[in-house]
């Protein structure tokens, strides 16, 4: 296992392009793991909420990202800030979203996504996970 650092100052599109460069490693059997969250706002957490409870903005952002992934629109994922206020609420800082861009960039066009762990924590953290391959 090798951990890579992310330069948070770089624009999201560059993280996606780096993920595309990792595609060659996948072709050689290397497992690519991106550990983050599709929604991550610790400032808005509510303790004691159920796994299916979330803010409207959290479910909206999670749904948009899920739909893009389902439709194979992975190149749209770096443009998440274009969702405006919903994106800013889902990610006041986006370091927890960036790992998705590396994993999505390494995906082959023919690979279908599988989702698991689709609940929320504290109403403001989406635990949705994606598996390709």
C-alpha atoms as a PDB file:
ATOM      1  CA  UNK A   1       0.000   0.000   0.000  1.00  0.00           C
ATOM      2  CA  UNK A   2       1.229   3.453  -0.885  1.00  0.00           C
ATOM      3  CA  UNK A   3      -0.434   6.630   0.331  1.00  0.00           C
ATOM      4  CA  UNK A   4      -0.407   9.625  -1.996  1.00  0.00           C
ATOM      5  CA  UNK A   5      -0.659  13.226  -0.879  1.00  0.00           C
ATOM      6  CA  UNK A   6      -3.119  15.618  -2.491  1.00  0.00           C
ATOM      7  CA  UNK A   7      -2.294  19.230  -3.184  1.00  0.00           C
ATOM      8  CA  UNK A   8      -5.490  20.872  -1.953  1.00  0.00           C
ATOM      9  CA  UNK A   9      -4.518  24.137  -3.663  1.00  0.00           C
ATOM     10  CA  UNK A  10      -4.838  22.548  -7.126  1.00  0.00           C
ATOM     11  CA  UNK A  11      -8.222  22.773  -8.893  1.00  0.00           C
ATOM     12  CA  UNK A  12     -10.493  19.688  -8.765  1.00  0.00           C
ATOM     13  CA  UNK A  13     -10.046  19.044 -12.503  1.00  0.00           C
ATOM     14  CA  UNK A  14      -6.321  18.442 -11.963  1.00  0.00           C
ATOM     15  CA  UNK A  15      -7.083  15.790  -9.332  1.00  0.00           C
ATOM     16  CA  UNK A  16      -9.314  14.021 -11.861  1.00  0.00           C
ATOM     17  CA  UNK A  17      -6.554  14.145 -14.501  1.00  0.00           C
ATOM     18  CA  UNK A  18      -4.124  12.617 -11.999  1.00  0.00           C
ATOM     19  CA  UNK A  19      -6.689   9.855 -11.464  1.00  0.00           C
ATOM     20  CA  UNK A  20      -6.727   9.240 -15.207  1.00  0.00           C
ATOM     21  CA  UNK A  21      -2.958   8.781 -15.065  1.00  0.00           C
ATOM     22  CA  UNK A  22      -3.475   6.132 -12.361  1.00  0.00           C
ATOM     23  CA  UNK A  23      -5.522   4.126 -14.888  1.00  0.00           C
ATOM     24  CA  UNK A  24      -2.291   2.590 -16.202  1.00  0.00           C
ATOM     25  CA  UNK A  25      -1.547   1.222 -12.745  1.00  0.00           C
ATOM     26  CA  UNK A  26      -4.985  -0.385 -12.570  1.00  0.00           C
ATOM     27  CA  UNK A  27      -4.261  -2.118 -15.868  1.00  0.00           C
ATOM     28  CA  UNK A  28      -1.262  -3.680 -14.091  1.00  0.00           C
ATOM     29  CA  UNK A  29      -3.439  -4.935 -11.223  1.00  0.00           C
ATOM     30  CA  UNK A  30      -2.894  -2.104  -8.741  1.00  0.00           C
ATOM     31  CA  UNK A  31      -5.889  -1.379  -6.507  1.00  0.00           C
ATOM     32  CA  UNK A  32      -6.831   2.313  -6.329  1.00  0.00           C
ATOM     33  CA  UNK A  33      -8.643   3.373  -3.146  1.00  0.00           C
ATOM     34  CA  UNK A  34      -9.992   6.868  -2.580  1.00  0.00           C
ATOM     35  CA  UNK A  35     -11.046   7.466   0.996  1.00  0.00           C
ATOM     36  CA  UNK A  36     -13.298  10.466   1.504  1.00  0.00           C
ATOM     37  CA  UNK A  37     -16.959  11.463   1.582  1.00  0.00           C
ATOM     38  CA  UNK A  38     -19.401  12.592  -1.090  1.00  0.00           C
ATOM     39  CA  UNK A  39     -20.882  14.960   1.517  1.00  0.00           C
ATOM     40  CA  UNK A  40     -18.753  16.179   4.417  1.00  0.00           C
ATOM     41  CA  UNK A  41     -19.784  19.138   6.580  1.00  0.00           C
ATOM     42  CA  UNK A  42     -18.739  18.758  10.206  1.00  0.00           C
ATOM     43  CA  UNK A  43     -19.996  22.261  11.021  1.00  0.00           C
ATOM     44  CA  UNK A  44     -23.576  21.120  10.424  1.00  0.00           C
ATOM     45  CA  UNK A  45     -23.550  17.770  12.243  1.00  0.00           C
ATOM     46  CA  UNK A  46     -26.582  16.732  14.293  1.00  0.00           C
ATOM     47  CA  UNK A  47     -25.948  14.015  16.804  1.00  0.00           C
ATOM     48  CA  UNK A  48     -28.454  11.243  17.303  1.00  0.00           C
ATOM     49  CA  UNK A  49     -29.779  11.171  13.725  1.00  0.00           C
ATOM     50  CA  UNK A  50     -30.608   7.890  11.994  1.00  0.00           C
ATOM     51  CA  UNK A  51     -28.557   6.610   9.026  1.00  0.00           C
ATOM     52  CA  UNK A  52     -31.327   7.631   6.613  1.00  0.00           C
ATOM     53  CA  UNK A  53     -31.712  11.170   8.025  1.00  0.00           C
ATOM     54  CA  UNK A  54     -29.898  14.019   6.319  1.00  0.00           C
ATOM     55  CA  UNK A  55     -30.278  17.671   5.461  1.00  0.00           C
ATOM     56  CA  UNK A  56     -32.031  18.371   2.158  1.00  0.00           C
ATOM     57  CA  UNK A  57     -28.841  19.899   0.723  1.00  0.00           C
ATOM     58  CA  UNK A  58     -26.880  16.788   1.721  1.00  0.00           C
ATOM     59  CA  UNK A  59     -29.268  14.399  -0.014  1.00  0.00           C
ATOM     60  CA  UNK A  60     -29.465  16.681  -3.066  1.00  0.00           C
ATOM     61  CA  UNK A  61     -25.696  16.800  -3.484  1.00  0.00           C
ATOM     62  CA  UNK A  62     -25.325  13.072  -2.850  1.00  0.00           C
ATOM     63  CA  UNK A  63     -28.058  12.316  -5.404  1.00  0.00           C
ATOM     64  CA  UNK A  64     -26.500  14.531  -8.089  1.00  0.00           C
ATOM     65  CA  UNK A  65     -23.104  12.883  -7.643  1.00  0.00           C
ATOM     66  CA  UNK A  66     -24.674   9.416  -7.568  1.00  0.00           C
ATOM     67  CA  UNK A  67     -26.565  10.151 -10.805  1.00  0.00           C
ATOM     68  CA  UNK A  68     -23.417  11.399 -12.542  1.00  0.00           C
ATOM     69  CA  UNK A  69     -21.601   8.232 -11.528  1.00  0.00           C
ATOM     70  CA  UNK A  70     -24.497   5.973 -12.614  1.00  0.00           C
ATOM     71  CA  UNK A  71     -24.649   7.672 -16.022  1.00  0.00           C
ATOM     72  CA  UNK A  72     -20.894   7.423 -16.516  1.00  0.00           C
ATOM     73  CA  UNK A  73     -20.543  11.213 -16.461  1.00  0.00           C
ATOM     74  CA  UNK A  74     -17.356  11.001 -14.438  1.00  0.00           C
ATOM     75  CA  UNK A  75     -15.719  13.962 -16.171  1.00  0.00           C
ATOM     76  CA  UNK A  76     -18.503  16.121 -14.659  1.00  0.00           C
ATOM     77  CA  UNK A  77     -17.493  15.240 -11.082  1.00  0.00           C
ATOM     78  CA  UNK A  78     -14.723  17.874 -10.839  1.00  0.00           C
ATOM     79  CA  UNK A  79     -17.301  20.575 -11.635  1.00  0.00           C
ATOM     80  CA  UNK A  80     -19.175  20.007  -8.357  1.00  0.00           C
ATOM     81  CA  UNK A  81     -18.792  23.639  -7.254  1.00  0.00           C
ATOM     82  CA  UNK A  82     -21.059  24.558 -10.167  1.00  0.00           C
ATOM     83  CA  UNK A  83     -23.931  23.316  -8.006  1.00  0.00           C
ATOM     84  CA  UNK A  84     -23.592  26.545  -6.020  1.00  0.00           C
ATOM     85  CA  UNK A  85     -24.935  26.762  -2.477  1.00  0.00           C
ATOM     86  CA  UNK A  86     -25.648  23.028  -2.284  1.00  0.00           C
ATOM     87  CA  UNK A  87     -21.985  22.261  -3.052  1.00  0.00           C
ATOM     88  CA  UNK A  88     -20.741  24.847  -0.552  1.00  0.00           C
ATOM     89  CA  UNK A  89     -22.934  23.294   2.134  1.00  0.00           C
ATOM     90  CA  UNK A  90     -21.906  19.765   1.205  1.00  0.00           C
ATOM     91  CA  UNK A  91     -18.211  20.735   1.243  1.00  0.00           C
ATOM     92  CA  UNK A  92     -17.211  23.912   3.086  1.00  0.00           C
ATOM     93  CA  UNK A  93     -13.734  22.591   2.276  1.00  0.00           C
ATOM     94  CA  UNK A  94     -13.430  19.906  -0.369  1.00  0.00           C
ATOM     95  CA  UNK A  95     -10.483  17.739   0.689  1.00  0.00           C
ATOM     96  CA  UNK A  96     -12.910  14.936   1.544  1.00  0.00           C
ATOM     97  CA  UNK A  97     -14.407  15.026  -1.986  1.00  0.00           C
ATOM     98  CA  UNK A  98     -11.103  14.962  -3.887  1.00  0.00           C
ATOM     99  CA  UNK A  99     -10.348  11.243  -3.346  1.00  0.00           C
ATOM    100  CA  UNK A 100     -13.463  10.429  -5.408  1.00  0.00           C
ATOM    101  CA  UNK A 101     -11.906  12.279  -8.340  1.00  0.00           C
ATOM    102  CA  UNK A 102      -8.783  10.097  -8.258  1.00  0.00           C
ATOM    103  CA  UNK A 103     -10.810   6.894  -8.165  1.00  0.00           C
ATOM    104  CA  UNK A 104     -13.252   8.091 -10.850  1.00  0.00           C
ATOM    105  CA  UNK A 105     -10.413   9.232 -13.084  1.00  0.00           C
ATOM    106  CA  UNK A 106      -8.921   5.733 -13.016  1.00  0.00           C
ATOM    107  CA  UNK A 107     -12.164   4.097 -14.225  1.00  0.00           C
ATOM    108  CA  UNK A 108     -12.393   2.466 -17.664  1.00  0.00           C
ATOM    109  CA  UNK A 109     -15.462   3.590 -19.686  1.00  0.00           C
ATOM    110  CA  UNK A 110     -16.907   0.060 -19.693  1.00  0.00           C
ATOM    111  CA  UNK A 111     -16.861  -0.322 -15.903  1.00  0.00           C
ATOM    112  CA  UNK A 112     -20.190  -0.123 -14.139  1.00  0.00           C
ATOM    113  CA  UNK A 113     -20.352   1.337 -10.619  1.00  0.00           C
ATOM    114  CA  UNK A 114     -21.729  -0.447  -7.582  1.00  0.00           C
ATOM    115  CA  UNK A 115     -22.807   1.524  -4.543  1.00  0.00           C
ATOM    116  CA  UNK A 116     -22.755   0.406  -0.937  1.00  0.00           C
ATOM    117  CA  UNK A 117     -22.793   2.006   2.511  1.00  0.00           C
ATOM    118  CA  UNK A 118     -25.295   4.592   1.282  1.00  0.00           C
ATOM    119  CA  UNK A 119     -26.396   6.049   4.613  1.00  0.00           C
ATOM    120  CA  UNK A 120     -25.493   9.265   6.386  1.00  0.00           C
ATOM    121  CA  UNK A 121     -23.834  10.116   9.655  1.00  0.00           C
ATOM    122  CA  UNK A 122     -24.925  13.072  11.752  1.00  0.00           C
ATOM    123  CA  UNK A 123     -27.179  14.302   8.882  1.00  0.00           C
ATOM    124  CA  UNK A 124     -24.257  16.011   7.130  1.00  0.00           C
ATOM    125  CA  UNK A 125     -21.851  13.240   6.089  1.00  0.00           C
ATOM    126  CA  UNK A 126     -22.678  10.922   3.202  1.00  0.00           C
ATOM    127  CA  UNK A 127     -21.109   7.528   3.656  1.00  0.00           C
ATOM    128  CA  UNK A 128     -21.900   6.391   0.069  1.00  0.00           C
ATOM    129  CA  UNK A 129     -19.127   4.251  -1.337  1.00  0.00           C
ATOM    130  CA  UNK A 130     -18.516   3.314  -4.958  1.00  0.00           C
ATOM    131  CA  UNK A 131     -16.823   0.265  -6.365  1.00  0.00           C
ATOM    132  CA  UNK A 132     -15.706  -0.005  -9.979  1.00  0.00           C
ATOM    133  CA  UNK A 133     -14.196  -3.085 -11.534  1.00  0.00           C
END
